N, C-alpha and C. Protein backbone atom coordinates (compact mmCIF):
# COMPACT_ATOMS: atom_id res chain seq x y z
N MET A 1 7.59 20.36 -5.04
CA MET A 1 8.04 18.82 -5.20
C MET A 1 7.52 18.06 -4.64
N THR A 2 6.80 16.85 -5.10
CA THR A 2 6.62 15.78 -4.37
C THR A 2 7.26 14.65 -3.77
N GLU A 3 7.02 14.15 -2.66
CA GLU A 3 7.72 12.99 -2.22
C GLU A 3 7.88 11.77 -2.94
N PRO A 4 9.19 11.10 -3.11
CA PRO A 4 8.77 9.58 -3.96
C PRO A 4 8.18 8.90 -3.40
N VAL A 5 7.63 8.38 -4.25
CA VAL A 5 7.04 6.92 -3.88
C VAL A 5 7.94 5.65 -3.35
N TYR A 6 7.63 4.92 -2.64
CA TYR A 6 8.81 3.97 -2.47
C TYR A 6 7.49 2.47 -2.62
N LEU A 7 8.52 1.69 -2.98
CA LEU A 7 7.68 0.21 -3.23
C LEU A 7 8.57 -0.73 -3.29
N THR A 8 8.42 -2.03 -2.42
CA THR A 8 8.92 -2.93 -2.52
C THR A 8 9.14 -3.76 -3.49
N ALA A 9 9.84 -4.76 -3.91
CA ALA A 9 9.93 -5.79 -5.27
C ALA A 9 8.62 -6.25 -4.97
N ASP A 10 8.42 -6.74 -4.01
CA ASP A 10 6.98 -7.56 -4.00
C ASP A 10 5.56 -6.96 -4.19
N GLY A 11 5.62 -5.92 -3.74
CA GLY A 11 4.80 -4.64 -3.61
C GLY A 11 4.61 -4.13 -5.29
N ARG A 12 5.92 -3.67 -5.79
CA ARG A 12 5.28 -3.59 -6.95
C ARG A 12 5.30 -4.76 -8.01
N ASP A 13 5.81 -6.23 -7.75
CA ASP A 13 5.04 -7.12 -8.37
C ASP A 13 3.29 -7.54 -7.77
N GLU A 14 2.88 -7.20 -6.99
CA GLU A 14 1.88 -7.10 -6.55
C GLU A 14 0.70 -6.24 -7.57
N LEU A 15 1.12 -4.75 -7.62
CA LEU A 15 0.23 -3.90 -8.32
C LEU A 15 0.66 -3.84 -9.74
N ALA A 16 1.81 -4.53 -10.30
CA ALA A 16 1.69 -5.15 -11.70
C ALA A 16 0.62 -6.26 -11.92
N LYS A 17 0.55 -7.20 -10.84
CA LYS A 17 -0.34 -8.05 -11.29
C LYS A 17 -1.88 -7.66 -11.28
N GLU A 18 -2.07 -6.45 -10.35
CA GLU A 18 -3.36 -6.10 -10.52
C GLU A 18 -3.43 -5.22 -11.68
N LEU A 19 -2.52 -4.62 -12.23
CA LEU A 19 -2.92 -3.55 -13.36
C LEU A 19 -3.16 -4.50 -14.41
N GLN A 20 -2.15 -5.52 -14.86
CA GLN A 20 -2.47 -6.47 -15.82
C GLN A 20 -3.89 -7.63 -15.68
N PHE A 21 -4.21 -7.25 -14.80
CA PHE A 21 -6.03 -8.08 -14.63
C PHE A 21 -6.58 -6.96 -15.03
N LEU A 22 -6.50 -5.81 -14.31
CA LEU A 22 -7.56 -4.67 -14.91
C LEU A 22 -7.51 -4.29 -16.45
N VAL A 23 -6.69 -4.60 -17.16
CA VAL A 23 -6.19 -3.87 -18.23
C VAL A 23 -6.64 -5.29 -19.45
N THR A 24 -6.19 -6.52 -18.82
CA THR A 24 -6.83 -7.57 -19.48
C THR A 24 -7.77 -8.52 -19.60
N VAL A 25 -8.24 -8.46 -18.40
CA VAL A 25 -9.74 -8.89 -18.01
C VAL A 25 -10.74 -8.34 -17.76
N ARG A 26 -10.46 -6.98 -16.48
CA ARG A 26 -11.54 -5.97 -15.89
C ARG A 26 -12.19 -4.91 -17.20
N ARG A 27 -11.24 -4.71 -17.99
CA ARG A 27 -11.81 -3.60 -18.82
C ARG A 27 -12.54 -4.14 -19.89
N PRO A 28 -12.23 -5.37 -20.71
CA PRO A 28 -12.99 -6.09 -21.51
C PRO A 28 -14.27 -6.28 -21.11
N GLU A 29 -14.36 -6.82 -19.94
CA GLU A 29 -15.62 -7.72 -19.22
C GLU A 29 -16.56 -6.31 -19.18
N LEU A 30 -15.77 -5.17 -18.85
CA LEU A 30 -17.33 -3.99 -18.75
C LEU A 30 -17.64 -3.06 -20.01
N ALA A 31 -16.74 -3.56 -21.00
CA ALA A 31 -17.21 -2.81 -22.44
C ALA A 31 -18.05 -3.64 -22.95
N VAL A 32 -17.97 -5.31 -22.69
CA VAL A 32 -19.05 -6.15 -22.89
C VAL A 32 -20.35 -5.67 -22.25
N LYS A 33 -20.09 -5.69 -20.82
CA LYS A 33 -21.27 -5.14 -20.27
C LYS A 33 -21.67 -3.77 -20.61
N LEU A 34 -21.41 -3.09 -21.00
CA LEU A 34 -21.68 -1.20 -21.32
C LEU A 34 -22.36 -1.53 -22.75
N LYS A 35 -21.50 -2.11 -23.54
CA LYS A 35 -22.34 -2.67 -25.02
C LYS A 35 -23.91 -3.04 -24.91
N GLU A 36 -23.89 -4.17 -23.75
CA GLU A 36 -25.00 -4.82 -23.67
C GLU A 36 -26.24 -4.01 -22.97
N ALA A 37 -25.66 -3.49 -22.05
CA ALA A 37 -26.37 -2.22 -21.67
C ALA A 37 -27.03 -1.16 -22.58
N VAL A 38 -26.52 -0.79 -23.33
CA VAL A 38 -26.79 0.30 -24.40
C VAL A 38 -27.98 -0.46 -25.41
N SER A 39 -27.17 -1.57 -25.60
CA SER A 39 -28.51 -2.27 -26.76
C SER A 39 -29.97 -2.12 -26.06
N GLN A 40 -29.80 -1.96 -24.67
CA GLN A 40 -31.23 -2.34 -24.23
C GLN A 40 -32.14 -0.87 -24.11
N GLY A 41 -31.53 0.42 -25.08
CA GLY A 41 -32.23 0.96 -25.04
C GLY A 41 -32.10 2.29 -24.62
N ASP A 42 -33.19 2.83 -23.84
CA ASP A 42 -33.36 4.24 -23.24
C ASP A 42 -32.15 4.23 -21.84
N LEU A 43 -31.33 5.17 -22.32
CA LEU A 43 -30.38 5.03 -21.28
C LEU A 43 -30.05 5.78 -20.01
N LYS A 44 -31.42 6.88 -20.42
CA LYS A 44 -32.04 7.71 -18.48
C LYS A 44 -31.87 6.89 -17.57
N GLU A 45 -32.89 5.68 -17.85
CA GLU A 45 -33.44 5.02 -16.51
C GLU A 45 -32.95 3.68 -16.45
N ASN A 46 -31.79 3.26 -17.44
CA ASN A 46 -31.10 2.18 -17.21
C ASN A 46 -30.01 1.94 -16.08
N ALA A 47 -30.03 1.64 -15.65
CA ALA A 47 -29.72 0.76 -14.20
C ALA A 47 -28.12 0.02 -14.68
N ASP A 48 -28.24 -0.53 -15.54
CA ASP A 48 -27.21 -1.33 -15.83
C ASP A 48 -26.29 -0.55 -16.47
N TYR A 49 -26.67 -0.10 -17.70
CA TYR A 49 -25.90 1.28 -18.05
C TYR A 49 -25.16 2.32 -17.49
N HIS A 50 -25.67 2.81 -16.47
CA HIS A 50 -25.30 3.58 -15.34
C HIS A 50 -24.11 2.71 -14.46
N ASP A 51 -24.74 1.77 -13.67
CA ASP A 51 -23.65 0.89 -13.14
C ASP A 51 -22.23 0.45 -13.79
N ALA A 52 -22.58 -0.07 -15.07
CA ALA A 52 -21.34 -0.23 -15.96
C ALA A 52 -20.46 1.11 -16.07
N LYS A 53 -21.20 2.19 -16.41
CA LYS A 53 -20.15 3.46 -16.59
C LYS A 53 -19.36 3.92 -15.21
N GLU A 54 -20.00 3.31 -14.20
CA GLU A 54 -19.60 4.08 -13.06
C GLU A 54 -18.14 3.13 -12.67
N GLN A 55 -18.45 1.49 -13.03
CA GLN A 55 -17.62 0.78 -13.07
C GLN A 55 -16.33 1.01 -13.81
N GLN A 56 -16.70 1.23 -14.99
CA GLN A 56 -15.44 1.76 -15.92
C GLN A 56 -14.92 3.20 -15.47
N ALA A 57 -15.53 3.64 -14.92
CA ALA A 57 -14.61 5.23 -14.50
C ALA A 57 -13.81 4.57 -13.39
N PHE A 58 -14.07 3.67 -12.60
CA PHE A 58 -13.72 3.54 -11.67
C PHE A 58 -12.14 2.90 -11.95
N VAL A 59 -12.33 1.85 -13.03
CA VAL A 59 -11.44 1.03 -13.40
C VAL A 59 -10.28 1.81 -14.46
N GLU A 60 -11.00 2.74 -14.72
CA GLU A 60 -9.75 3.19 -15.87
C GLU A 60 -9.22 4.19 -15.09
N GLY A 61 -9.47 4.71 -13.73
CA GLY A 61 -8.99 5.74 -12.52
C GLY A 61 -7.88 4.81 -12.13
N ARG A 62 -8.31 3.67 -11.68
CA ARG A 62 -7.13 2.56 -11.02
C ARG A 62 -6.00 2.62 -11.75
N ILE A 63 -6.22 2.03 -13.07
CA ILE A 63 -5.44 1.53 -14.29
C ILE A 63 -4.66 2.98 -14.38
N GLN A 64 -5.22 4.42 -14.49
CA GLN A 64 -4.46 5.73 -14.71
C GLN A 64 -3.23 5.60 -13.16
N TYR A 65 -3.91 5.28 -12.16
CA TYR A 65 -3.16 5.47 -10.68
C TYR A 65 -2.07 4.50 -10.98
N LEU A 66 -1.95 3.13 -11.18
CA LEU A 66 -1.02 1.80 -10.87
C LEU A 66 -0.08 2.39 -12.08
N GLU A 67 -0.77 2.60 -13.21
CA GLU A 67 0.51 2.70 -14.16
C GLU A 67 1.13 4.03 -14.12
N ASN A 68 0.75 5.42 -13.25
CA ASN A 68 1.67 6.64 -12.67
C ASN A 68 2.66 6.00 -11.80
N LEU A 69 1.80 5.04 -10.77
CA LEU A 69 2.73 4.85 -9.90
C LEU A 69 3.95 3.76 -10.04
N LEU A 70 3.42 3.22 -10.58
CA LEU A 70 4.84 1.93 -11.20
C LEU A 70 5.70 2.60 -11.97
N HIS A 71 5.43 3.61 -12.81
CA HIS A 71 6.27 4.61 -13.28
C HIS A 71 7.47 5.17 -12.59
N SER A 72 6.72 5.88 -11.53
CA SER A 72 7.45 6.80 -11.20
C SER A 72 8.13 6.13 -9.52
N ALA A 73 7.53 5.18 -9.14
CA ALA A 73 8.02 4.57 -8.09
C ALA A 73 9.58 3.95 -7.71
N GLU A 74 9.98 4.37 -6.61
CA GLU A 74 11.58 3.84 -6.31
C GLU A 74 11.59 2.66 -5.54
N ILE A 75 12.07 1.89 -6.37
CA ILE A 75 11.67 0.34 -5.61
C ILE A 75 12.93 -0.26 -4.77
N ILE A 76 12.24 -0.32 -3.64
CA ILE A 76 13.66 -0.64 -2.80
C ILE A 76 13.90 -1.99 -2.42
N ASN A 77 14.90 -2.46 -2.60
CA ASN A 77 15.09 -4.07 -2.93
C ASN A 77 15.83 -4.35 -1.35
N GLY A 78 15.02 -4.87 -0.35
CA GLY A 78 15.09 -5.20 0.87
C GLY A 78 16.06 -4.42 2.04
N SER A 79 16.38 -4.42 3.06
CA SER A 79 16.40 -3.59 4.19
C SER A 79 18.03 -3.34 3.94
N PRO A 80 18.17 -2.23 4.60
CA PRO A 80 19.61 -1.65 4.66
C PRO A 80 20.36 -2.81 5.49
N LYS A 81 21.69 -2.61 4.74
CA LYS A 81 22.51 -3.74 5.28
C LYS A 81 23.34 -3.28 6.52
N ASP A 82 23.30 -2.01 6.87
CA ASP A 82 23.79 -1.89 8.35
C ASP A 82 23.32 -1.88 9.74
N GLY A 83 22.02 -2.55 9.59
CA GLY A 83 21.40 -2.76 10.68
C GLY A 83 20.31 -1.87 10.97
N LYS A 84 20.52 -0.52 10.16
CA LYS A 84 19.59 0.03 10.43
C LYS A 84 18.15 -0.11 10.22
N ILE A 85 17.26 0.46 10.63
CA ILE A 85 15.81 0.22 10.08
C ILE A 85 15.62 1.15 8.53
N GLY A 86 14.87 0.38 7.71
CA GLY A 86 14.57 1.43 6.54
C GLY A 86 13.54 0.84 5.78
N ILE A 87 13.04 1.20 4.99
CA ILE A 87 12.08 0.90 4.27
C ILE A 87 12.41 -0.82 3.12
N GLY A 88 11.61 -1.52 3.92
CA GLY A 88 11.83 -2.75 3.40
C GLY A 88 12.38 -3.64 4.73
N SER A 89 12.59 -3.08 5.42
CA SER A 89 13.11 -4.02 6.83
C SER A 89 11.97 -4.71 7.61
N THR A 90 11.96 -5.36 7.99
CA THR A 90 11.08 -6.42 8.83
C THR A 90 11.29 -5.99 10.68
N VAL A 91 10.48 -5.67 11.39
CA VAL A 91 11.07 -5.10 12.63
C VAL A 91 9.91 -5.96 13.51
N THR A 92 10.44 -6.34 14.61
CA THR A 92 9.59 -6.76 15.78
C THR A 92 10.01 -5.72 17.01
N ILE A 93 9.10 -5.08 17.57
CA ILE A 93 8.97 -4.47 18.85
C ILE A 93 8.42 -4.57 19.63
N VAL A 94 8.66 -4.11 20.69
CA VAL A 94 7.45 -4.44 22.21
C VAL A 94 7.19 -3.28 22.67
N GLU A 95 5.81 -3.10 23.09
CA GLU A 95 5.46 -1.74 23.74
C GLU A 95 6.36 -1.80 25.36
N ALA A 96 6.84 -0.51 26.11
CA ALA A 96 7.19 -0.71 27.22
C ALA A 96 5.94 -1.19 28.57
N GLY A 97 6.38 -2.12 29.09
CA GLY A 97 5.78 -2.73 29.86
C GLY A 97 4.86 -3.79 29.55
N GLU A 98 4.57 -3.98 28.30
CA GLU A 98 4.37 -5.71 27.40
C GLU A 98 5.20 -6.50 27.28
N ASP A 99 4.45 -7.58 27.48
CA ASP A 99 4.95 -8.72 26.47
C ASP A 99 5.08 -9.08 25.72
N GLU A 100 3.73 -8.77 24.65
CA GLU A 100 3.22 -9.10 23.36
C GLU A 100 4.32 -8.25 22.26
N GLU A 101 5.02 -9.52 21.80
CA GLU A 101 6.08 -8.54 20.55
C GLU A 101 4.88 -8.58 19.39
N GLU A 102 5.47 -7.11 18.25
CA GLU A 102 4.91 -6.87 17.40
C GLU A 102 5.31 -6.83 16.20
N THR A 103 5.32 -7.40 15.29
CA THR A 103 6.25 -7.37 14.14
C THR A 103 5.79 -6.86 12.68
N TYR A 104 6.24 -5.88 12.12
CA TYR A 104 6.16 -4.81 10.99
C TYR A 104 6.69 -4.98 9.99
N THR A 105 6.34 -4.98 8.64
CA THR A 105 7.30 -4.43 7.73
C THR A 105 7.06 -3.21 7.08
N ILE A 106 8.22 -2.20 6.81
CA ILE A 106 7.98 -0.75 6.70
C ILE A 106 8.33 -1.07 5.16
N VAL A 107 7.26 -0.62 4.70
CA VAL A 107 6.78 -0.24 3.25
C VAL A 107 6.58 1.28 2.69
N GLY A 108 6.47 1.55 1.49
CA GLY A 108 6.09 2.90 1.09
C GLY A 108 4.26 2.86 1.48
N ALA A 109 3.78 3.68 1.61
CA ALA A 109 2.50 4.31 1.79
C ALA A 109 1.57 3.64 0.25
N ALA A 110 1.77 3.56 -0.68
CA ALA A 110 1.21 2.80 -1.99
C ALA A 110 1.05 1.59 -1.34
N GLU A 111 1.64 0.52 -0.63
CA GLU A 111 1.40 -0.84 -0.60
C GLU A 111 1.06 -0.70 1.27
N ALA A 112 1.00 0.21 2.02
CA ALA A 112 0.64 -0.36 3.32
C ALA A 112 -0.37 -1.06 3.23
N ASN A 113 -0.30 -2.23 4.42
CA ASN A 113 -1.73 -2.81 4.57
C ASN A 113 -1.56 -3.12 5.99
N PRO A 114 -1.88 -2.60 7.29
CA PRO A 114 -1.82 -2.79 8.60
C PRO A 114 -2.05 -3.68 8.47
N ALA A 115 -3.42 -4.67 8.53
CA ALA A 115 -3.99 -5.72 8.62
C ALA A 115 -2.78 -7.00 8.28
N GLU A 116 -2.03 -6.81 7.57
CA GLU A 116 -0.95 -7.49 6.88
C GLU A 116 0.32 -7.62 7.32
N GLY A 117 0.34 -6.67 8.26
CA GLY A 117 1.64 -5.90 9.21
C GLY A 117 2.23 -5.22 8.32
N LYS A 118 1.60 -4.53 7.14
CA LYS A 118 3.09 -3.61 6.43
C LYS A 118 2.59 -2.60 6.80
N ILE A 119 3.48 -1.57 7.17
CA ILE A 119 3.05 -0.04 7.69
C ILE A 119 4.01 0.97 6.84
N SER A 120 3.26 1.78 6.75
CA SER A 120 4.11 3.01 5.70
C SER A 120 5.04 3.67 6.66
N ASN A 121 5.85 3.96 5.74
CA ASN A 121 7.17 4.57 6.27
C ASN A 121 6.94 6.20 7.15
N GLN A 122 5.42 6.51 6.21
CA GLN A 122 4.92 7.77 6.95
C GLN A 122 4.33 7.55 7.78
N SER A 123 3.63 6.74 8.18
CA SER A 123 2.77 6.13 9.70
C SER A 123 3.64 6.72 10.70
N PRO A 124 3.09 7.09 12.05
CA PRO A 124 3.61 7.56 13.07
C PRO A 124 4.76 6.59 13.44
N ILE A 125 4.34 4.99 13.89
CA ILE A 125 5.64 4.03 14.39
C ILE A 125 6.22 3.94 13.27
N GLY A 126 6.08 3.68 11.85
CA GLY A 126 7.00 3.42 10.83
C GLY A 126 8.19 4.56 10.85
N ALA A 127 7.49 5.85 10.48
CA ALA A 127 8.29 6.76 10.58
C ALA A 127 9.67 7.36 11.91
N ALA A 128 8.88 6.81 12.93
CA ALA A 128 9.83 6.30 14.23
C ALA A 128 11.01 5.43 13.79
N LEU A 129 10.47 4.52 13.50
CA LEU A 129 11.37 3.30 13.27
C LEU A 129 12.41 3.48 12.61
N LEU A 130 12.53 4.20 11.81
CA LEU A 130 13.60 4.65 10.61
C LEU A 130 14.74 5.02 11.14
N GLY A 131 15.60 4.29 10.93
CA GLY A 131 17.33 5.03 11.19
C GLY A 131 17.66 4.18 12.88
N HIS A 132 16.47 3.45 13.38
CA HIS A 132 16.89 2.75 14.53
C HIS A 132 17.29 1.17 14.56
N LYS A 133 18.11 0.74 15.61
CA LYS A 133 18.76 -0.45 15.38
C LYS A 133 17.91 -1.67 16.15
N ALA A 134 18.29 -2.36 16.03
CA ALA A 134 17.40 -3.72 17.23
C ALA A 134 18.47 -2.99 18.63
N GLY A 135 17.76 -3.20 19.86
CA GLY A 135 17.95 -2.92 20.95
C GLY A 135 17.61 -1.42 21.33
N ASP A 136 17.34 -0.45 20.31
CA ASP A 136 16.84 0.68 20.71
C ASP A 136 15.53 1.35 21.09
N LYS A 137 15.45 2.12 21.80
CA LYS A 137 14.22 2.23 22.43
C LYS A 137 13.75 3.97 21.62
N PHE A 138 12.54 3.90 21.26
CA PHE A 138 12.23 4.62 20.85
C PHE A 138 10.53 5.39 21.34
N GLU A 139 10.23 6.41 20.89
CA GLU A 139 8.85 7.19 21.49
C GLU A 139 7.75 7.71 19.84
N VAL A 140 6.72 7.08 20.51
CA VAL A 140 5.92 7.75 18.93
C VAL A 140 4.59 8.29 19.51
N GLU A 141 4.65 9.32 19.29
CA GLU A 141 3.04 10.24 19.94
C GLU A 141 1.87 9.57 19.24
N THR A 142 0.92 9.64 19.60
CA THR A 142 -0.16 8.83 19.30
C THR A 142 -1.35 9.40 19.90
N PRO A 143 -2.73 9.57 18.95
CA PRO A 143 -3.80 10.40 20.04
C PRO A 143 -3.64 10.43 21.48
N ALA A 144 -3.31 8.93 22.01
CA ALA A 144 -3.62 8.75 23.36
C ALA A 144 -2.78 8.84 23.98
N GLY A 145 -1.32 9.61 23.78
CA GLY A 145 -0.50 10.29 24.32
C GLY A 145 0.77 9.55 23.66
N ALA A 146 2.10 10.08 24.35
CA ALA A 146 3.70 9.15 23.98
C ALA A 146 3.27 7.56 24.35
N THR A 147 3.82 7.01 23.52
CA THR A 147 4.17 5.73 23.63
C THR A 147 5.04 4.81 23.30
N LYS A 148 6.18 4.37 24.27
CA LYS A 148 7.51 3.78 24.23
C LYS A 148 7.64 2.48 23.57
N PHE A 149 8.28 2.13 22.89
CA PHE A 149 8.80 1.18 22.20
C PHE A 149 10.33 0.45 22.38
N LYS A 150 10.50 -0.83 22.17
CA LYS A 150 11.80 -1.18 22.02
C LYS A 150 11.94 -2.05 20.74
N VAL A 151 12.69 -2.22 20.21
CA VAL A 151 12.86 -2.39 18.85
C VAL A 151 13.87 -4.32 19.71
N LYS A 152 13.11 -5.46 19.09
CA LYS A 152 13.68 -6.10 19.33
C LYS A 152 14.50 -7.09 18.54
N LYS A 153 14.09 -7.03 17.09
CA LYS A 153 14.51 -7.43 15.95
C LYS A 153 14.63 -6.69 14.34
N VAL A 154 15.46 -6.71 13.78
CA VAL A 154 15.41 -6.34 12.42
C VAL A 154 15.94 -7.31 11.45
N LYS A 155 15.20 -7.46 10.64
CA LYS A 155 15.83 -8.20 9.17
C LYS A 155 15.44 -7.25 8.04
């Protein structure tokens, strides 16, 4: 049995917007590009044709992935109301012995983007945070060894 796929409402909306763009804009653009490349003749050595086919295959694969993801995802609406960290929670933590705070939003793996502060519930820190509350201390096993953190805030 596969693990459930979690999306926040914002993540669902972003992925739905991407799907809409791929279906209504990108797919027709590539169809035109492919038709033009075919009209050039000899397909064996036609770089435009091969490029268009590769792009089309990627777009069709992405469309299929997004459709399946959006169809089967469990939508998480905000963080749990009991103060415990869950998917959808925004958490501020600080590493033991450090002053610099780090803020993350716990999301499902499909919408994780560490550069934007969105970490997966399956990542080492994301998984370790689940179930904790503000004030709790926790430890995460990293490649450099165990690292201790304290939860400062949960929203």
